[in-house]
Amino acid sequence: MLNAYLPLAKAATQIAAGMGVSKIAADIVKNNVTVMTPVQGITVKIGSFVLGSMLWERSSEHIERQINQLTALLEKHKSEDTTPE
């Protein structure tokens, strides 16, 4: 039963976290970088996008790993509970 919803739970969590870390990165850049020229504006926007996408990727990998560990732990306890004594 758990495995049926696992891909959906992973995807939803990864999307929400990815959007969150991307927004945080964009706000940090916006509030801490002074843009003086149009070229700087373009490069800062590109850099902000790249930083956000890198953070999104790392957060997705972290979530994948954590959910897999939790699933393995739950499956282990489930199999231990059903083992006859």
N, C-alpha and C. Protein backbone atom coordinates (compact mmCIF):
# COMPACT_ATOMS: atom_id res chain seq x y z
N MET A 1 0.82 -1.20 0.00
CA MET A 1 0.00 0.00 0.00
C MET A 1 0.86 1.25 0.00
N LEU A 2 1.90 1.25 0.84
CA LEU A 2 2.79 2.41 0.94
C LEU A 2 3.48 2.67 -0.40
N ASN A 3 3.90 1.62 -1.08
CA ASN A 3 4.63 1.77 -2.33
C ASN A 3 3.78 2.39 -3.44
N ALA A 4 2.46 2.25 -3.36
CA ALA A 4 1.59 2.81 -4.39
C ALA A 4 1.62 4.33 -4.39
N TYR A 5 1.75 4.94 -3.23
CA TYR A 5 1.73 6.40 -3.12
C TYR A 5 3.13 7.01 -3.03
N LEU A 6 4.15 6.20 -2.95
CA LEU A 6 5.51 6.68 -2.75
C LEU A 6 6.00 7.61 -3.87
N PRO A 7 5.85 7.25 -5.14
CA PRO A 7 6.30 8.16 -6.20
C PRO A 7 5.60 9.52 -6.16
N LEU A 8 4.31 9.52 -5.87
CA LEU A 8 3.57 10.77 -5.78
C LEU A 8 4.03 11.60 -4.59
N ALA A 9 4.26 10.96 -3.46
CA ALA A 9 4.73 11.67 -2.27
C ALA A 9 6.11 12.26 -2.51
N LYS A 10 6.99 11.49 -3.16
CA LYS A 10 8.33 11.99 -3.46
C LYS A 10 8.25 13.20 -4.39
N ALA A 11 7.49 13.07 -5.45
CA ALA A 11 7.41 14.15 -6.44
C ALA A 11 6.82 15.42 -5.82
N ALA A 12 5.75 15.27 -5.06
CA ALA A 12 5.12 16.44 -4.45
C ALA A 12 6.07 17.13 -3.47
N THR A 13 6.76 16.34 -2.68
CA THR A 13 7.70 16.90 -1.71
C THR A 13 8.88 17.56 -2.41
N GLN A 14 9.38 16.93 -3.45
CA GLN A 14 10.51 17.49 -4.19
C GLN A 14 10.13 18.80 -4.88
N ILE A 15 8.95 18.87 -5.44
CA ILE A 15 8.50 20.09 -6.11
C ILE A 15 8.33 21.22 -5.09
N ALA A 16 7.67 20.93 -3.99
CA ALA A 16 7.45 21.96 -2.96
C ALA A 16 8.78 22.47 -2.39
N ALA A 17 9.67 21.56 -2.07
CA ALA A 17 10.97 21.95 -1.52
C ALA A 17 11.80 22.69 -2.56
N GLY A 18 11.78 22.22 -3.79
CA GLY A 18 12.53 22.87 -4.86
C GLY A 18 12.06 24.29 -5.10
N MET A 19 10.76 24.49 -5.10
CA MET A 19 10.22 25.83 -5.27
C MET A 19 10.63 26.72 -4.09
N GLY A 20 10.61 26.15 -2.91
CA GLY A 20 10.98 26.92 -1.72
C GLY A 20 12.43 27.34 -1.72
N VAL A 21 13.34 26.42 -2.00
CA VAL A 21 14.76 26.78 -1.99
C VAL A 21 15.10 27.73 -3.13
N SER A 22 14.42 27.59 -4.27
CA SER A 22 14.65 28.51 -5.38
C SER A 22 14.20 29.91 -5.03
N LYS A 23 13.07 30.03 -4.38
CA LYS A 23 12.56 31.34 -3.95
C LYS A 23 13.49 31.97 -2.92
N ILE A 24 13.94 31.18 -1.98
CA ILE A 24 14.87 31.69 -0.95
C ILE A 24 16.15 32.20 -1.61
N ALA A 25 16.71 31.43 -2.54
CA ALA A 25 17.93 31.85 -3.23
C ALA A 25 17.70 33.14 -4.01
N ALA A 26 16.59 33.22 -4.73
CA ALA A 26 16.29 34.42 -5.51
C ALA A 26 16.15 35.65 -4.61
N ASP A 27 15.48 35.48 -3.48
CA ASP A 27 15.30 36.61 -2.55
C ASP A 27 16.62 37.03 -1.92
N ILE A 28 17.49 36.08 -1.61
CA ILE A 28 18.81 36.42 -1.05
C ILE A 28 19.60 37.24 -2.07
N VAL A 29 19.59 36.79 -3.31
CA VAL A 29 20.30 37.52 -4.35
C VAL A 29 19.69 38.91 -4.54
N LYS A 30 18.37 38.97 -4.64
CA LYS A 30 17.69 40.25 -4.87
C LYS A 30 17.98 41.25 -3.75
N ASN A 31 18.04 40.79 -2.51
CA ASN A 31 18.23 41.68 -1.37
C ASN A 31 19.68 42.00 -1.06
N ASN A 32 20.62 41.29 -1.69
CA ASN A 32 22.02 41.48 -1.34
C ASN A 32 22.94 41.83 -2.50
N VAL A 33 22.41 41.89 -3.70
CA VAL A 33 23.23 42.20 -4.87
C VAL A 33 22.75 43.51 -5.48
N THR A 34 23.66 44.45 -5.63
CA THR A 34 23.34 45.73 -6.25
C THR A 34 23.67 45.64 -7.73
N VAL A 35 22.68 45.89 -8.55
CA VAL A 35 22.85 45.85 -10.00
C VAL A 35 23.00 47.29 -10.48
N MET A 36 24.11 47.56 -11.17
CA MET A 36 24.41 48.93 -11.61
C MET A 36 24.22 49.11 -13.12
N THR A 37 24.30 48.02 -13.87
CA THR A 37 24.20 48.13 -15.33
C THR A 37 23.24 47.06 -15.85
N PRO A 38 22.75 47.26 -17.08
CA PRO A 38 21.88 46.22 -17.67
C PRO A 38 22.58 44.86 -17.80
N VAL A 39 23.87 44.88 -18.12
CA VAL A 39 24.62 43.62 -18.24
C VAL A 39 24.66 42.92 -16.89
N GLN A 40 24.92 43.66 -15.82
CA GLN A 40 24.91 43.06 -14.49
C GLN A 40 23.54 42.49 -14.17
N GLY A 41 22.50 43.20 -14.56
CA GLY A 41 21.14 42.71 -14.32
C GLY A 41 20.90 41.36 -14.98
N ILE A 42 21.37 41.24 -16.23
CA ILE A 42 21.20 39.97 -16.96
C ILE A 42 22.02 38.87 -16.31
N THR A 43 23.27 39.16 -15.99
CA THR A 43 24.12 38.11 -15.41
C THR A 43 23.65 37.70 -14.02
N VAL A 44 23.14 38.65 -13.25
CA VAL A 44 22.63 38.32 -11.91
C VAL A 44 21.38 37.45 -12.04
N LYS A 45 20.50 37.75 -12.98
CA LYS A 45 19.30 36.93 -13.18
C LYS A 45 19.68 35.51 -13.61
N ILE A 46 20.64 35.40 -14.51
CA ILE A 46 21.09 34.08 -14.95
C ILE A 46 21.73 33.32 -13.78
N GLY A 47 22.60 34.01 -13.05
CA GLY A 47 23.24 33.37 -11.90
C GLY A 47 22.24 32.94 -10.84
N SER A 48 21.23 33.77 -10.61
CA SER A 48 20.19 33.45 -9.64
C SER A 48 19.41 32.21 -10.08
N PHE A 49 19.12 32.14 -11.39
CA PHE A 49 18.42 30.97 -11.92
C PHE A 49 19.25 29.70 -11.75
N VAL A 50 20.54 29.80 -12.08
CA VAL A 50 21.43 28.64 -11.96
C VAL A 50 21.54 28.20 -10.50
N LEU A 51 21.71 29.16 -9.60
CA LEU A 51 21.80 28.84 -8.18
C LEU A 51 20.53 28.15 -7.70
N GLY A 52 19.38 28.69 -8.09
CA GLY A 52 18.11 28.08 -7.71
C GLY A 52 17.95 26.67 -8.25
N SER A 53 18.37 26.45 -9.49
CA SER A 53 18.23 25.11 -10.07
C SER A 53 19.18 24.11 -9.41
N MET A 54 20.38 24.60 -9.03
CA MET A 54 21.32 23.72 -8.32
C MET A 54 20.76 23.33 -6.95
N LEU A 55 20.20 24.30 -6.25
CA LEU A 55 19.61 24.01 -4.94
C LEU A 55 18.41 23.08 -5.08
N TRP A 56 17.61 23.28 -6.11
CA TRP A 56 16.46 22.41 -6.37
C TRP A 56 16.94 20.97 -6.56
N GLU A 57 17.98 20.80 -7.38
CA GLU A 57 18.50 19.46 -7.64
C GLU A 57 19.02 18.80 -6.37
N ARG A 58 19.80 19.51 -5.58
CA ARG A 58 20.34 18.95 -4.35
C ARG A 58 19.23 18.63 -3.34
N SER A 59 18.24 19.51 -3.24
CA SER A 59 17.15 19.24 -2.29
C SER A 59 16.36 18.02 -2.74
N SER A 60 16.17 17.86 -4.04
CA SER A 60 15.46 16.68 -4.55
C SER A 60 16.22 15.40 -4.24
N GLU A 61 17.54 15.44 -4.41
CA GLU A 61 18.36 14.26 -4.09
C GLU A 61 18.28 13.94 -2.60
N HIS A 62 18.31 14.97 -1.78
CA HIS A 62 18.23 14.78 -0.32
C HIS A 62 16.88 14.16 0.06
N ILE A 63 15.82 14.70 -0.50
CA ILE A 63 14.48 14.18 -0.20
C ILE A 63 14.35 12.73 -0.66
N GLU A 64 14.84 12.44 -1.84
CA GLU A 64 14.81 11.07 -2.37
C GLU A 64 15.50 10.11 -1.40
N ARG A 65 16.68 10.50 -0.95
CA ARG A 65 17.46 9.67 -0.02
C ARG A 65 16.72 9.49 1.31
N GLN A 66 16.16 10.56 1.85
CA GLN A 66 15.47 10.49 3.13
C GLN A 66 14.21 9.64 3.05
N ILE A 67 13.45 9.81 1.99
CA ILE A 67 12.23 9.00 1.84
C ILE A 67 12.58 7.53 1.64
N ASN A 68 13.63 7.25 0.88
CA ASN A 68 14.06 5.86 0.70
C ASN A 68 14.49 5.23 2.02
N GLN A 69 15.22 6.00 2.84
CA GLN A 69 15.64 5.48 4.15
C GLN A 69 14.43 5.23 5.05
N LEU A 70 13.48 6.15 5.04
CA LEU A 70 12.27 5.99 5.85
C LEU A 70 11.46 4.78 5.38
N THR A 71 11.34 4.63 4.08
CA THR A 71 10.61 3.49 3.53
C THR A 71 11.27 2.17 3.91
N ALA A 72 12.59 2.13 3.81
CA ALA A 72 13.31 0.91 4.19
C ALA A 72 13.11 0.59 5.66
N LEU A 73 13.14 1.62 6.50
CA LEU A 73 12.92 1.43 7.93
C LEU A 73 11.51 0.90 8.21
N LEU A 74 10.53 1.50 7.56
CA LEU A 74 9.15 1.05 7.74
C LEU A 74 8.95 -0.38 7.25
N GLU A 75 9.54 -0.71 6.11
CA GLU A 75 9.44 -2.07 5.58
C GLU A 75 10.11 -3.07 6.52
N LYS A 76 11.24 -2.68 7.09
CA LYS A 76 11.95 -3.56 8.02
C LYS A 76 11.09 -3.83 9.25
N HIS A 77 10.51 -2.77 9.81
CA HIS A 77 9.66 -2.95 11.00
C HIS A 77 8.40 -3.73 10.66
N LYS A 78 7.88 -3.52 9.48
CA LYS A 78 6.69 -4.24 9.03
C LYS A 78 7.00 -5.73 8.94
N SER A 79 8.15 -6.07 8.36
CA SER A 79 8.51 -7.48 8.22
C SER A 79 8.82 -8.10 9.59
N GLU A 80 9.38 -7.33 10.51
CA GLU A 80 9.66 -7.84 11.84
C GLU A 80 8.37 -8.09 12.62
N ASP A 81 7.36 -7.23 12.39
CA ASP A 81 6.09 -7.38 13.10
C ASP A 81 5.31 -8.59 12.60
N THR A 82 5.51 -8.99 11.34
CA THR A 82 4.75 -10.10 10.78
C THR A 82 5.48 -11.43 10.90
N THR A 83 6.70 -11.40 11.42
CA THR A 83 7.47 -12.62 11.60
C THR A 83 6.92 -13.42 12.77
N PRO A 84 6.52 -14.67 12.55
CA PRO A 84 5.99 -15.47 13.65
C PRO A 84 7.09 -15.79 14.68
N GLU A 85 6.71 -15.83 15.92
CA GLU A 85 7.66 -16.12 16.99
C GLU A 85 7.58 -17.55 17.43
